[in-house]
Amino acid sequence: MNHSAVTGRVRSLDALRGLAICGIMLVNTWQHTLAYRKATSVDWVMGNLFQSRFYPIFAFLFGMGFALFLQSAGSRTPRPRLVLLRRLAVLALLGAVHTRIEPGEVLLPYAILGVTVLLPASFLPRPLVLLAGTGTMVAAMVTGRPYVLIAALFLLGLATVGYGAAGRLASPVVFGTSAVLAVLLTWWWNHSPPGGGVYQAAALCGAAAYGTGFLLAVRRTALFEALGRMALTNYVSSTAAILAAAPLLRVDDTGSAVIAVTVVTLVAQAAFSRWWLTRYRYGPLEWIWRCLTWWEPVANRQTGTRDPHSPVPDPRRPRSEDEPRDRS
């Protein structure tokens, strides 16, 4: 495996994470308006096309990120899981603080599931991780419980890296199949709501269609990459933006303010992320998280050459010790 292949794989995952951040911001903004106005056509669109369609992407990538960090940490310390445990503890602490402002936030639950699901699974052989992820996915479809689905996606993301499939997520077959299933399951749920996890299945298929379609269709992904590289910073700052815009969101009866607030926030975040990553390797909260993970200052100033079309530095530059490396 050459350096360009590794860089391309990381860039695509960053871009996909950036897409998830955009969708999560849109849904979170919309959800803050539901208690203050009557239902409109915007709510039907949001509920059927966007709600629950982006957190599965984020959860799957979280499992992959866990595996990639475990690999890179293993080249730096003989006890990489202890470092990962500290990393999850820091995330839980940040999530606990964020929960005081945004009760529905996901950082704390993700950290807890990381400790209780991903960390034990990292000791298992790859076939068992895949089997556990598949079995948990079946349980999620039967019960319809979101956190069971998240646990399943964590495990499947972990297994994807274990089998070396991280760079082969985009498939026309997967896109076409998931898009058709998303439409059919969403129609079924709207017209004859059954028990179990039909809504979960519709949302999961929608997430797969959005994710694979994005990777297949989008060629210039620099802004999405920047958003994805600074996902933690952008996720937390979006809460501040939503709360600041709360007066506008509450007086709008049409739901159009949801789109305006989301677009303005994401454009500002993308511009800031792009600007920041030309100067630093990690976003502000990402850098703090990394320093507390390793319990030492981590170099953050950007060095070496950089591809002007991407926020990701050129692979020929000097790398920090905790970045993924070519393992061919």
C-alpha atoms as a PDB file:
ATOM      1  CA  MET A   1       0.000   0.000   0.000  1.00  0.00           C
ATOM      2  CA  ASN A   2       1.501   3.335  -0.987  1.00  0.00           C
ATOM      3  CA  HIS A   3       1.266   6.688   0.777  1.00  0.00           C
ATOM      4  CA  SER A   4      -1.208   8.141  -1.693  1.00  0.00           C
ATOM      5  CA  ALA A   5      -3.615   5.301  -1.068  1.00  0.00           C
ATOM      6  CA  VAL A   6      -3.492   5.897   2.652  1.00  0.00           C
ATOM      7  CA  THR A   7      -3.942   9.624   2.221  1.00  0.00           C
ATOM      8  CA  GLY A   8      -6.908   9.107  -0.120  1.00  0.00           C
ATOM      9  CA  ARG A   9      -8.550   6.768   2.374  1.00  0.00           C
ATOM     10  CA  VAL A  10      -8.153   9.230   5.238  1.00  0.00           C
ATOM     11  CA  ARG A  11      -9.404  12.125   3.107  1.00  0.00           C
ATOM     12  CA  SER A  12     -12.547  10.242   2.113  1.00  0.00           C
ATOM     13  CA  LEU A  13     -13.311   9.372   5.728  1.00  0.00           C
ATOM     14  CA  ASP A  14     -12.773  12.972   6.801  1.00  0.00           C
ATOM     15  CA  ALA A  15     -15.106  14.155   4.039  1.00  0.00           C
ATOM     16  CA  LEU A  16     -17.757  11.615   5.011  1.00  0.00           C
ATOM     17  CA  ARG A  17     -17.510  12.728   8.630  1.00  0.00           C
ATOM     18  CA  GLY A  18     -17.945  16.300   7.420  1.00  0.00           C
ATOM     19  CA  LEU A  19     -21.137  15.292   5.608  1.00  0.00           C
ATOM     20  CA  ALA A  20     -22.433  13.723   8.831  1.00  0.00           C
ATOM     21  CA  ILE A  21     -21.673  16.934  10.739  1.00  0.00           C
ATOM     22  CA  CYS A  22     -23.741  18.904   8.213  1.00  0.00           C
ATOM     23  CA  GLY A  23     -26.722  16.580   8.525  1.00  0.00           C
ATOM     24  CA  ILE A  24     -26.556  16.414  12.316  1.00  0.00           C
ATOM     25  CA  MET A  25     -26.440  20.212  12.522  1.00  0.00           C
ATOM     26  CA  LEU A  26     -29.531  20.463  10.308  1.00  0.00           C
ATOM     27  CA  VAL A  27     -31.527  17.924  12.321  1.00  0.00           C
ATOM     28  CA  ASN A  28     -30.484  19.360  15.695  1.00  0.00           C
ATOM     29  CA  THR A  29     -31.522  22.862  14.612  1.00  0.00           C
ATOM     30  CA  TRP A  30     -34.886  21.566  13.399  1.00  0.00           C
ATOM     31  CA  GLN A  31     -35.538  19.633  16.602  1.00  0.00           C
ATOM     32  CA  HIS A  32     -35.098  22.811  18.643  1.00  0.00           C
ATOM     33  CA  THR A  33     -38.110  24.360  16.857  1.00  0.00           C
ATOM     34  CA  LEU A  34     -40.704  21.595  17.224  1.00  0.00           C
ATOM     35  CA  ALA A  35     -42.073  22.735  20.582  1.00  0.00           C
ATOM     36  CA  TYR A  36     -42.722  26.296  19.388  1.00  0.00           C
ATOM     37  CA  ARG A  37     -44.775  25.945  16.193  1.00  0.00           C
ATOM     38  CA  LYS A  38     -47.305  23.862  14.318  1.00  0.00           C
ATOM     39  CA  ALA A  39     -46.235  21.180  11.891  1.00  0.00           C
ATOM     40  CA  THR A  40     -45.456  22.231   8.307  1.00  0.00           C
ATOM     41  CA  SER A  41     -44.269  20.516   5.147  1.00  0.00           C
ATOM     42  CA  VAL A  42     -40.720  21.213   6.287  1.00  0.00           C
ATOM     43  CA  ASP A  43     -41.299  18.815   9.170  1.00  0.00           C
ATOM     44  CA  TRP A  44     -42.376  16.028   6.815  1.00  0.00           C
ATOM     45  CA  VAL A  45     -39.237  16.521   4.733  1.00  0.00           C
ATOM     46  CA  MET A  46     -37.004  16.598   7.792  1.00  0.00           C
ATOM     47  CA  GLY A  47     -38.644  13.578   9.420  1.00  0.00           C
ATOM     48  CA  ASN A  48     -38.558  11.416   6.299  1.00  0.00           C
ATOM     49  CA  LEU A  49     -35.383  12.490   4.549  1.00  0.00           C
ATOM     50  CA  PHE A  50     -32.978  13.763   7.209  1.00  0.00           C
ATOM     51  CA  GLN A  51     -33.836  12.756  10.771  1.00  0.00           C
ATOM     52  CA  SER A  52     -31.815   9.708  11.903  1.00  0.00           C
ATOM     53  CA  ARG A  53     -30.030   9.570   8.519  1.00  0.00           C
ATOM     54  CA  PHE A  54     -26.712  11.050   9.636  1.00  0.00           C
ATOM     55  CA  TYR A  55     -25.918   9.794  13.113  1.00  0.00           C
ATOM     56  CA  PRO A  56     -25.494   6.227  11.703  1.00  0.00           C
ATOM     57  CA  ILE A  57     -22.714   7.560   9.448  1.00  0.00           C
ATOM     58  CA  PHE A  58     -21.092   9.255  12.428  1.00  0.00           C
ATOM     59  CA  ALA A  59     -21.416   6.121  14.584  1.00  0.00           C
ATOM     60  CA  PHE A  60     -19.887   3.887  11.907  1.00  0.00           C
ATOM     61  CA  LEU A  61     -16.975   6.288  11.487  1.00  0.00           C
ATOM     62  CA  PHE A  62     -16.523   6.438  15.264  1.00  0.00           C
ATOM     63  CA  GLY A  63     -15.926   2.683  15.276  1.00  0.00           C
ATOM     64  CA  MET A  64     -13.472   3.036  12.417  1.00  0.00           C
ATOM     65  CA  GLY A  65     -11.707   5.928  14.141  1.00  0.00           C
ATOM     66  CA  PHE A  66     -11.383   3.818  17.283  1.00  0.00           C
ATOM     67  CA  ALA A  67      -9.652   1.065  15.312  1.00  0.00           C
ATOM     68  CA  LEU A  68      -7.354   3.467  13.459  1.00  0.00           C
ATOM     69  CA  PHE A  69      -6.333   5.205  16.661  1.00  0.00           C
ATOM     70  CA  LEU A  70      -5.661   1.846  18.300  1.00  0.00           C
ATOM     71  CA  GLN A  71      -3.375   0.942  15.404  1.00  0.00           C
ATOM     72  CA  SER A  72      -1.424   4.198  15.551  1.00  0.00           C
ATOM     73  CA  ALA A  73      -1.234   4.184  19.359  1.00  0.00           C
ATOM     74  CA  GLY A  74       0.160   0.652  19.208  1.00  0.00           C
ATOM     75  CA  SER A  75       3.243   1.972  17.424  1.00  0.00           C
ATOM     76  CA  ARG A  76       3.839   4.505  20.200  1.00  0.00           C
ATOM     77  CA  THR A  77       3.056   2.710  23.451  1.00  0.00           C
ATOM     78  CA  PRO A  78       3.014  -0.934  24.621  1.00  0.00           C
ATOM     79  CA  ARG A  79      -0.408  -0.357  26.228  1.00  0.00           C
ATOM     80  CA  PRO A  80      -2.521   1.351  23.555  1.00  0.00           C
ATOM     81  CA  ARG A  81      -5.829   0.371  25.184  1.00  0.00           C
ATOM     82  CA  LEU A  82      -4.955   2.309  28.316  1.00  0.00           C
ATOM     83  CA  VAL A  83      -4.433   5.355  26.128  1.00  0.00           C
ATOM     84  CA  LEU A  84      -7.762   4.689  24.438  1.00  0.00           C
ATOM     85  CA  LEU A  85      -9.456   4.361  27.817  1.00  0.00           C
ATOM     86  CA  ARG A  86      -8.096   7.771  28.797  1.00  0.00           C
ATOM     87  CA  ARG A  87      -9.222   9.154  25.431  1.00  0.00           C
ATOM     88  CA  LEU A  88     -12.762   7.914  26.050  1.00  0.00           C
ATOM     89  CA  ALA A  89     -12.703   9.259  29.619  1.00  0.00           C
ATOM     90  CA  VAL A  90     -11.825  12.729  28.318  1.00  0.00           C
ATOM     91  CA  LEU A  91     -14.631  12.459  25.762  1.00  0.00           C
ATOM     92  CA  ALA A  92     -17.042  11.458  28.536  1.00  0.00           C
ATOM     93  CA  LEU A  93     -15.999  14.455  30.624  1.00  0.00           C
ATOM     94  CA  LEU A  94     -16.507  16.800  27.682  1.00  0.00           C
ATOM     95  CA  GLY A  95     -19.849  15.140  26.978  1.00  0.00           C
ATOM     96  CA  ALA A  96     -20.953  15.557  30.602  1.00  0.00           C
ATOM     97  CA  VAL A  97     -20.250  19.291  30.371  1.00  0.00           C
ATOM     98  CA  HIS A  98     -21.966  19.530  26.989  1.00  0.00           C
ATOM     99  CA  THR A  99     -25.017  17.703  28.363  1.00  0.00           C
ATOM    100  CA  ARG A 100     -25.659  20.583  30.755  1.00  0.00           C
ATOM    101  CA  ILE A 101     -26.197  22.794  27.706  1.00  0.00           C
ATOM    102  CA  GLU A 102     -27.611  20.281  25.215  1.00  0.00           C
ATOM    103  CA  PRO A 103     -29.408  17.383  26.980  1.00  0.00           C
ATOM    104  CA  GLY A 104     -29.705  15.324  23.784  1.00  0.00           C
ATOM    105  CA  GLU A 105     -25.994  15.361  22.959  1.00  0.00           C
ATOM    106  CA  VAL A 106     -24.137  12.170  21.976  1.00  0.00           C
ATOM    107  CA  LEU A 107     -20.576  12.557  23.261  1.00  0.00           C
ATOM    108  CA  LEU A 108     -21.235  11.046  26.692  1.00  0.00           C
ATOM    109  CA  PRO A 109     -23.217   8.045  25.346  1.00  0.00           C
ATOM    110  CA  TYR A 110     -20.569   7.475  22.676  1.00  0.00           C
ATOM    111  CA  ALA A 111     -17.838   7.431  25.316  1.00  0.00           C
ATOM    112  CA  ILE A 112     -19.791   4.995  27.482  1.00  0.00           C
ATOM    113  CA  LEU A 113     -20.484   2.692  24.535  1.00  0.00           C
ATOM    114  CA  GLY A 114     -16.840   2.979  23.523  1.00  0.00           C
ATOM    115  CA  VAL A 115     -15.765   1.646  26.922  1.00  0.00           C
ATOM    116  CA  THR A 116     -18.452  -1.024  27.225  1.00  0.00           C
ATOM    117  CA  VAL A 117     -18.632  -2.194  23.601  1.00  0.00           C
ATOM    118  CA  LEU A 118     -15.602  -1.190  21.530  1.00  0.00           C
ATOM    119  CA  LEU A 119     -12.850  -1.668  24.081  1.00  0.00           C
ATOM    120  CA  PRO A 120     -13.809  -5.284  24.921  1.00  0.00           C
ATOM    121  CA  ALA A 121     -14.430  -6.023  21.225  1.00  0.00           C
ATOM    122  CA  SER A 122     -10.905  -4.863  20.357  1.00  0.00           C
ATOM    123  CA  PHE A 123      -9.586  -8.025  22.064  1.00  0.00           C
ATOM    124  CA  LEU A 124     -11.683 -10.309  19.855  1.00  0.00           C
ATOM    125  CA  PRO A 125     -10.620 -11.902  16.559  1.00  0.00           C
ATOM    126  CA  ARG A 126     -11.889 -10.081  13.494  1.00  0.00           C
ATOM    127  CA  PRO A 127     -14.531 -12.699  12.564  1.00  0.00           C
ATOM    128  CA  LEU A 128     -16.064 -12.465  16.043  1.00  0.00           C
ATOM    129  CA  VAL A 129     -16.176  -8.661  15.873  1.00  0.00           C
ATOM    130  CA  LEU A 130     -18.007  -8.896  12.546  1.00  0.00           C
ATOM    131  CA  LEU A 131     -20.341 -11.543  13.955  1.00  0.00           C
ATOM    132  CA  ALA A 132     -21.033  -9.444  17.061  1.00  0.00           C
ATOM    133  CA  GLY A 133     -21.745  -6.382  14.918  1.00  0.00           C
ATOM    134  CA  THR A 134     -24.107  -8.326  12.671  1.00  0.00           C
ATOM    135  CA  GLY A 135     -25.948  -9.865  15.624  1.00  0.00           C
ATOM    136  CA  THR A 136     -26.282  -6.502  17.338  1.00  0.00           C
ATOM    137  CA  MET A 137     -27.616  -5.013  14.103  1.00  0.00           C
ATOM    138  CA  VAL A 138     -30.333  -7.677  13.999  1.00  0.00           C
ATOM    139  CA  ALA A 139     -31.211  -6.834  17.608  1.00  0.00           C
ATOM    140  CA  ALA A 140     -31.393  -3.144  16.676  1.00  0.00           C
ATOM    141  CA  MET A 141     -33.825  -3.869  13.848  1.00  0.00           C
ATOM    142  CA  VAL A 142     -36.023  -5.984  16.125  1.00  0.00           C
ATOM    143  CA  THR A 143     -36.084  -3.601  19.089  1.00  0.00           C
ATOM    144  CA  GLY A 144     -35.925  -0.292  17.245  1.00  0.00           C
ATOM    145  CA  ARG A 145     -33.639   1.135  19.945  1.00  0.00           C
ATOM    146  CA  PRO A 146     -31.217   3.798  18.637  1.00  0.00           C
ATOM    147  CA  TYR A 147     -28.374   3.011  21.018  1.00  0.00           C
ATOM    148  CA  VAL A 148     -28.454  -0.661  20.062  1.00  0.00           C
ATOM    149  CA  LEU A 149     -28.067   0.479  16.448  1.00  0.00           C
ATOM    150  CA  ILE A 150     -25.178   2.741  17.444  1.00  0.00           C
ATOM    151  CA  ALA A 151     -23.446  -0.149  19.221  1.00  0.00           C
ATOM    152  CA  ALA A 152     -23.884  -2.298  16.109  1.00  0.00           C
ATOM    153  CA  LEU A 153     -22.412   0.403  13.880  1.00  0.00           C
ATOM    154  CA  PHE A 154     -19.486   0.864  16.281  1.00  0.00           C
ATOM    155  CA  LEU A 155     -18.692  -2.838  15.948  1.00  0.00           C
ATOM    156  CA  LEU A 156     -19.106  -2.903  12.177  1.00  0.00           C
ATOM    157  CA  GLY A 157     -16.849   0.140  11.843  1.00  0.00           C
ATOM    158  CA  LEU A 158     -14.256  -1.621  13.974  1.00  0.00           C
ATOM    159  CA  ALA A 159     -14.551  -4.743  11.818  1.00  0.00           C
ATOM    160  CA  THR A 160     -14.262  -2.743   8.584  1.00  0.00           C
ATOM    161  CA  VAL A 161     -10.813  -1.505   9.547  1.00  0.00           C
ATOM    162  CA  GLY A 162      -9.831  -4.967  10.779  1.00  0.00           C
ATOM    163  CA  TYR A 163     -10.576  -6.408   7.349  1.00  0.00           C
ATOM    164  CA  GLY A 164      -8.780  -3.565   5.543  1.00  0.00           C
ATOM    165  CA  ALA A 165     -11.966  -2.351   3.841  1.00  0.00           C
ATOM    166  CA  ALA A 166     -11.793   1.251   5.072  1.00  0.00           C
ATOM    167  CA  GLY A 167     -10.873   2.563   1.645  1.00  0.00           C
ATOM    168  CA  ARG A 168     -13.614   0.686  -0.242  1.00  0.00           C
ATOM    169  CA  LEU A 169     -16.793   2.135   1.262  1.00  0.00           C
ATOM    170  CA  ALA A 170     -18.172   3.649  -1.960  1.00  0.00           C
ATOM    171  CA  SER A 171     -20.023   1.132  -4.119  1.00  0.00           C
ATOM    172  CA  PRO A 172     -22.670   1.787  -6.816  1.00  0.00           C
ATOM    173  CA  VAL A 173     -24.380  -1.466  -5.854  1.00  0.00           C
ATOM    174  CA  VAL A 174     -24.593  -0.487  -2.190  1.00  0.00           C
ATOM    175  CA  PHE A 175     -25.815   2.974  -3.124  1.00  0.00           C
ATOM    176  CA  GLY A 176     -28.538   1.726  -5.482  1.00  0.00           C
ATOM    177  CA  THR A 177     -29.742  -1.010  -3.152  1.00  0.00           C
ATOM    178  CA  SER A 178     -29.795   1.160  -0.047  1.00  0.00           C
ATOM    179  CA  ALA A 179     -31.544   4.030  -1.860  1.00  0.00           C
ATOM    180  CA  VAL A 180     -34.346   1.766  -3.103  1.00  0.00           C
ATOM    181  CA  LEU A 181     -34.748   0.147   0.314  1.00  0.00           C
ATOM    182  CA  ALA A 182     -34.790   3.553   2.017  1.00  0.00           C
ATOM    183  CA  VAL A 183     -37.663   4.710  -0.204  1.00  0.00           C
ATOM    184  CA  LEU A 184     -39.667   1.514   0.242  1.00  0.00           C
ATOM    185  CA  LEU A 185     -39.174   1.294   4.005  1.00  0.00           C
ATOM    186  CA  THR A 186     -39.963   4.986   4.517  1.00  0.00           C
ATOM    187  CA  TRP A 187     -43.178   4.573   2.515  1.00  0.00           C
ATOM    188  CA  TRP A 188     -44.089   1.488   4.574  1.00  0.00           C
ATOM    189  CA  TRP A 189     -43.455   3.277   7.844  1.00  0.00           C
ATOM    190  CA  ASN A 190     -45.593   6.272   6.777  1.00  0.00           C
ATOM    191  CA  HIS A 191     -48.556   4.293   5.463  1.00  0.00           C
ATOM    192  CA  SER A 192     -48.732   1.325   7.800  1.00  0.00           C
ATOM    193  CA  PRO A 193     -46.461   1.840  10.795  1.00  0.00           C
ATOM    194  CA  PRO A 194     -45.422  -1.645  11.943  1.00  0.00           C
ATOM    195  CA  GLY A 195     -43.742  -2.642  15.157  1.00  0.00           C
ATOM    196  CA  GLY A 196     -40.033  -3.294  15.581  1.00  0.00           C
ATOM    197  CA  GLY A 197     -37.353  -1.359  13.791  1.00  0.00           C
ATOM    198  CA  VAL A 198     -38.774  -0.521  10.354  1.00  0.00           C
ATOM    199  CA  TYR A 199     -38.070   3.167  10.936  1.00  0.00           C
ATOM    200  CA  GLN A 200     -34.548   2.258  12.055  1.00  0.00           C
ATOM    201  CA  ALA A 201     -34.058   0.182   8.926  1.00  0.00           C
ATOM    202  CA  ALA A 202     -35.327   3.023   6.727  1.00  0.00           C
ATOM    203  CA  ALA A 203     -32.997   5.464   8.442  1.00  0.00           C
ATOM    204  CA  LEU A 204     -30.037   3.090   8.177  1.00  0.00           C
ATOM    205  CA  CYS A 205     -30.629   2.508   4.475  1.00  0.00           C
ATOM    206  CA  GLY A 206     -30.976   6.253   3.989  1.00  0.00           C
ATOM    207  CA  ALA A 207     -27.664   6.807   5.778  1.00  0.00           C
ATOM    208  CA  ALA A 208     -25.971   4.190   3.572  1.00  0.00           C
ATOM    209  CA  ALA A 209     -27.419   5.822   0.448  1.00  0.00           C
ATOM    210  CA  TYR A 210     -26.319   9.312   1.484  1.00  0.00           C
ATOM    211  CA  GLY A 211     -22.856   8.155   2.489  1.00  0.00           C
ATOM    212  CA  THR A 212     -22.060   6.026  -0.555  1.00  0.00           C
ATOM    213  CA  GLY A 213     -23.757   8.477  -2.927  1.00  0.00           C
ATOM    214  CA  PHE A 214     -21.680  11.315  -1.502  1.00  0.00           C
ATOM    215  CA  LEU A 215     -18.424   9.412  -1.935  1.00  0.00           C
ATOM    216  CA  LEU A 216     -19.342   8.416  -5.488  1.00  0.00           C
ATOM    217  CA  ALA A 217     -20.609  11.817  -6.651  1.00  0.00           C
ATOM    218  CA  VAL A 218     -18.510  14.443  -4.895  1.00  0.00           C
ATOM    219  CA  ARG A 219     -15.061  15.087  -6.295  1.00  0.00           C
ATOM    220  CA  ARG A 220     -13.996  18.321  -4.594  1.00  0.00           C
ATOM    221  CA  THR A 221     -14.361  17.564  -0.911  1.00  0.00           C
ATOM    222  CA  ALA A 222     -11.922  20.013   0.729  1.00  0.00           C
ATOM    223  CA  LEU A 223     -14.570  21.880   2.723  1.00  0.00           C
ATOM    224  CA  PHE A 224     -16.184  18.632   3.887  1.00  0.00           C
ATOM    225  CA  GLU A 225     -12.751  17.313   4.848  1.00  0.00           C
ATOM    226  CA  ALA A 226     -12.110  20.424   6.914  1.00  0.00           C
ATOM    227  CA  LEU A 227     -15.438  20.031   8.708  1.00  0.00           C
ATOM    228  CA  GLY A 228     -14.673  16.366   9.325  1.00  0.00           C
ATOM    229  CA  ARG A 229     -11.145  16.951  10.595  1.00  0.00           C
ATOM    230  CA  MET A 230     -12.596  19.321  13.192  1.00  0.00           C
ATOM    231  CA  ALA A 231     -15.770  17.326  13.869  1.00  0.00           C
ATOM    232  CA  LEU A 232     -15.603  17.665  17.665  1.00  0.00           C
ATOM    233  CA  THR A 233     -15.040  21.428  17.537  1.00  0.00           C
ATOM    234  CA  ASN A 234     -17.792  21.882  14.965  1.00  0.00           C
ATOM    235  CA  TYR A 235     -20.273  19.647  16.777  1.00  0.00           C
ATOM    236  CA  VAL A 236     -19.886  21.533  20.058  1.00  0.00           C
ATOM    237  CA  SER A 237     -19.823  24.982  18.434  1.00  0.00           C
ATOM    238  CA  SER A 238     -23.018  24.174  16.514  1.00  0.00           C
ATOM    239  CA  THR A 239     -24.810  23.899  19.857  1.00  0.00           C
ATOM    240  CA  ALA A 240     -23.703  27.424  20.701  1.00  0.00           C
ATOM    241  CA  ALA A 241     -24.921  28.640  17.296  1.00  0.00           C
ATOM    242  CA  ILE A 242     -28.339  27.008  17.745  1.00  0.00           C
ATOM    243  CA  LEU A 243     -28.776  28.499  21.221  1.00  0.00           C
ATOM    244  CA  ALA A 244     -27.721  31.931  19.972  1.00  0.00           C
ATOM    245  CA  ALA A 245     -30.289  31.689  17.167  1.00  0.00           C
ATOM    246  CA  ALA A 246     -33.043  30.375  19.475  1.00  0.00           C
ATOM    247  CA  PRO A 247     -35.080  33.644  19.461  1.00  0.00           C
ATOM    248  CA  LEU A 248     -35.222  33.588  15.649  1.00  0.00           C
ATOM    249  CA  LEU A 249     -36.067  29.888  15.544  1.00  0.00           C
ATOM    250  CA  ARG A 250     -38.915  30.332  18.033  1.00  0.00           C
ATOM    251  CA  VAL A 251     -40.695  33.134  16.193  1.00  0.00           C
ATOM    252  CA  ASP A 252     -40.492  31.483  12.770  1.00  0.00           C
ATOM    253  CA  ASP A 253     -43.711  29.584  11.980  1.00  0.00           C
ATOM    254  CA  THR A 254     -42.602  28.229   8.610  1.00  0.00           C
ATOM    255  CA  GLY A 255     -39.474  26.302   9.558  1.00  0.00           C
ATOM    256  CA  SER A 256     -37.414  28.194   6.986  1.00  0.00           C
ATOM    257  CA  ALA A 257     -35.237  29.674   9.736  1.00  0.00           C
ATOM    258  CA  VAL A 258     -33.929  26.150  10.325  1.00  0.00           C
ATOM    259  CA  ILE A 259     -32.360  26.122   6.879  1.00  0.00           C
ATOM    260  CA  ALA A 260     -30.985  29.654   7.206  1.00  0.00           C
ATOM    261  CA  VAL A 261     -29.380  29.083  10.612  1.00  0.00           C
ATOM    262  CA  THR A 262     -27.910  25.760   9.497  1.00  0.00           C
ATOM    263  CA  VAL A 263     -26.455  27.086   6.256  1.00  0.00           C
ATOM    264  CA  VAL A 264     -24.954  30.209   7.849  1.00  0.00           C
ATOM    265  CA  THR A 265     -23.427  28.154  10.678  1.00  0.00           C
ATOM    266  CA  LEU A 266     -21.972  25.480   8.397  1.00  0.00           C
ATOM    267  CA  VAL A 267     -20.508  28.019   5.974  1.00  0.00           C
ATOM    268  CA  ALA A 268     -18.852  29.832   8.878  1.00  0.00           C
ATOM    269  CA  GLN A 269     -17.580  26.564  10.347  1.00  0.00           C
ATOM    270  CA  ALA A 270     -16.230  25.375   6.995  1.00  0.00           C
ATOM    271  CA  ALA A 271     -14.414  28.657   6.387  1.00  0.00           C
ATOM    272  CA  PHE A 272     -12.962  28.673   9.886  1.00  0.00           C
ATOM    273  CA  SER A 273     -11.972  24.999   9.707  1.00  0.00           C
ATOM    274  CA  ARG A 274     -10.277  25.509   6.354  1.00  0.00           C
ATOM    275  CA  TRP A 275      -8.393  28.548   7.664  1.00  0.00           C
ATOM    276  CA  TRP A 276      -7.401  26.818  10.903  1.00  0.00           C
ATOM    277  CA  LEU A 277      -6.115  23.642   9.267  1.00  0.00           C
ATOM    278  CA  THR A 278      -3.760  25.575   7.004  1.00  0.00           C
ATOM    279  CA  ARG A 279      -1.961  26.577  10.209  1.00  0.00           C
ATOM    280  CA  TYR A 280      -2.562  23.730  12.656  1.00  0.00           C
ATOM    281  CA  ARG A 281      -2.796  19.951  12.480  1.00  0.00           C
ATOM    282  CA  TYR A 282      -5.762  19.598  14.835  1.00  0.00           C
ATOM    283  CA  GLY A 283      -8.814  21.675  15.633  1.00  0.00           C
ATOM    284  CA  PRO A 284      -8.962  23.501  18.985  1.00  0.00           C
ATOM    285  CA  LEU A 285     -10.982  20.869  20.877  1.00  0.00           C
ATOM    286  CA  GLU A 286      -9.284  18.045  18.963  1.00  0.00           C
ATOM    287  CA  TRP A 287      -5.904  19.320  20.127  1.00  0.00           C
ATOM    288  CA  ILE A 288      -7.029  19.558  23.768  1.00  0.00           C
ATOM    289  CA  TRP A 289      -8.505  16.068  23.520  1.00  0.00           C
ATOM    290  CA  ARG A 290      -5.262  14.711  22.076  1.00  0.00           C
ATOM    291  CA  CYS A 291      -3.091  16.390  24.709  1.00  0.00           C
ATOM    292  CA  LEU A 292      -5.222  14.982  27.542  1.00  0.00           C
ATOM    293  CA  THR A 293      -5.259  11.576  25.842  1.00  0.00           C
ATOM    294  CA  TRP A 294      -1.471  11.386  25.792  1.00  0.00           C
ATOM    295  CA  TRP A 295      -1.133  13.445  28.983  1.00  0.00           C
ATOM    296  CA  GLU A 296       1.510  15.635  27.369  1.00  0.00           C
ATOM    297  CA  PRO A 297       1.637  18.608  24.968  1.00  0.00           C
ATOM    298  CA  VAL A 298       1.172  17.540  21.338  1.00  0.00           C
ATOM    299  CA  ALA A 299       2.763  19.576  18.552  1.00  0.00           C
ATOM    300  CA  ASN A 300       0.032  21.351  16.637  1.00  0.00           C
ATOM    301  CA  ARG A 301       1.689  23.905  14.368  1.00  0.00           C
ATOM    302  CA  GLN A 302       1.466  22.858  10.719  1.00  0.00           C
ATOM    303  CA  THR A 303       4.790  21.917   9.104  1.00  0.00           C
ATOM    304  CA  GLY A 304       5.911  20.750   5.685  1.00  0.00           C
ATOM    305  CA  THR A 305       4.159  21.154   2.344  1.00  0.00           C
ATOM    306  CA  ARG A 306       0.401  21.032   1.831  1.00  0.00           C
ATOM    307  CA  ASP A 307      -1.947  20.167  -1.008  1.00  0.00           C
ATOM    308  CA  PRO A 308      -3.697  23.528  -1.722  1.00  0.00           C
ATOM    309  CA  HIS A 309      -6.922  21.689  -2.610  1.00  0.00           C
ATOM    310  CA  SER A 310      -7.190  19.864   0.714  1.00  0.00           C
ATOM    311  CA  PRO A 311      -6.950  20.717   4.400  1.00  0.00           C
ATOM    312  CA  VAL A 312      -5.020  17.492   4.822  1.00  0.00           C
ATOM    313  CA  PRO A 313      -1.236  18.134   4.764  1.00  0.00           C
ATOM    314  CA  ASP A 314       0.912  16.497   2.119  1.00  0.00           C
ATOM    315  CA  PRO A 315       1.948  12.935   3.131  1.00  0.00           C
ATOM    316  CA  ARG A 316       5.617  13.817   2.542  1.00  0.00           C
ATOM    317  CA  ARG A 317       5.647  16.275   5.442  1.00  0.00           C
ATOM    318  CA  PRO A 318       7.061  15.299   8.854  1.00  0.00           C
ATOM    319  CA  ARG A 319       4.351  13.419  10.772  1.00  0.00           C
ATOM    320  CA  SER A 320       3.513  13.518  14.453  1.00  0.00           C
ATOM    321  CA  GLU A 321       3.947  10.179  16.185  1.00  0.00           C
ATOM    322  CA  ASP A 322       0.245   9.517  16.726  1.00  0.00           C
ATOM    323  CA  GLU A 323      -0.862   9.898  13.096  1.00  0.00           C
ATOM    324  CA  PRO A 324      -1.675   6.752  11.069  1.00  0.00           C
ATOM    325  CA  ARG A 325       1.255   5.486   9.009  1.00  0.00           C
ATOM    326  CA  ASP A 326       1.747   3.221   6.031  1.00  0.00           C
ATOM    327  CA  ARG A 327       1.743  -0.368   7.291  1.00  0.00           C
ATOM    328  CA  SER A 328       2.481  -2.173   4.037  1.00  0.00           C
END
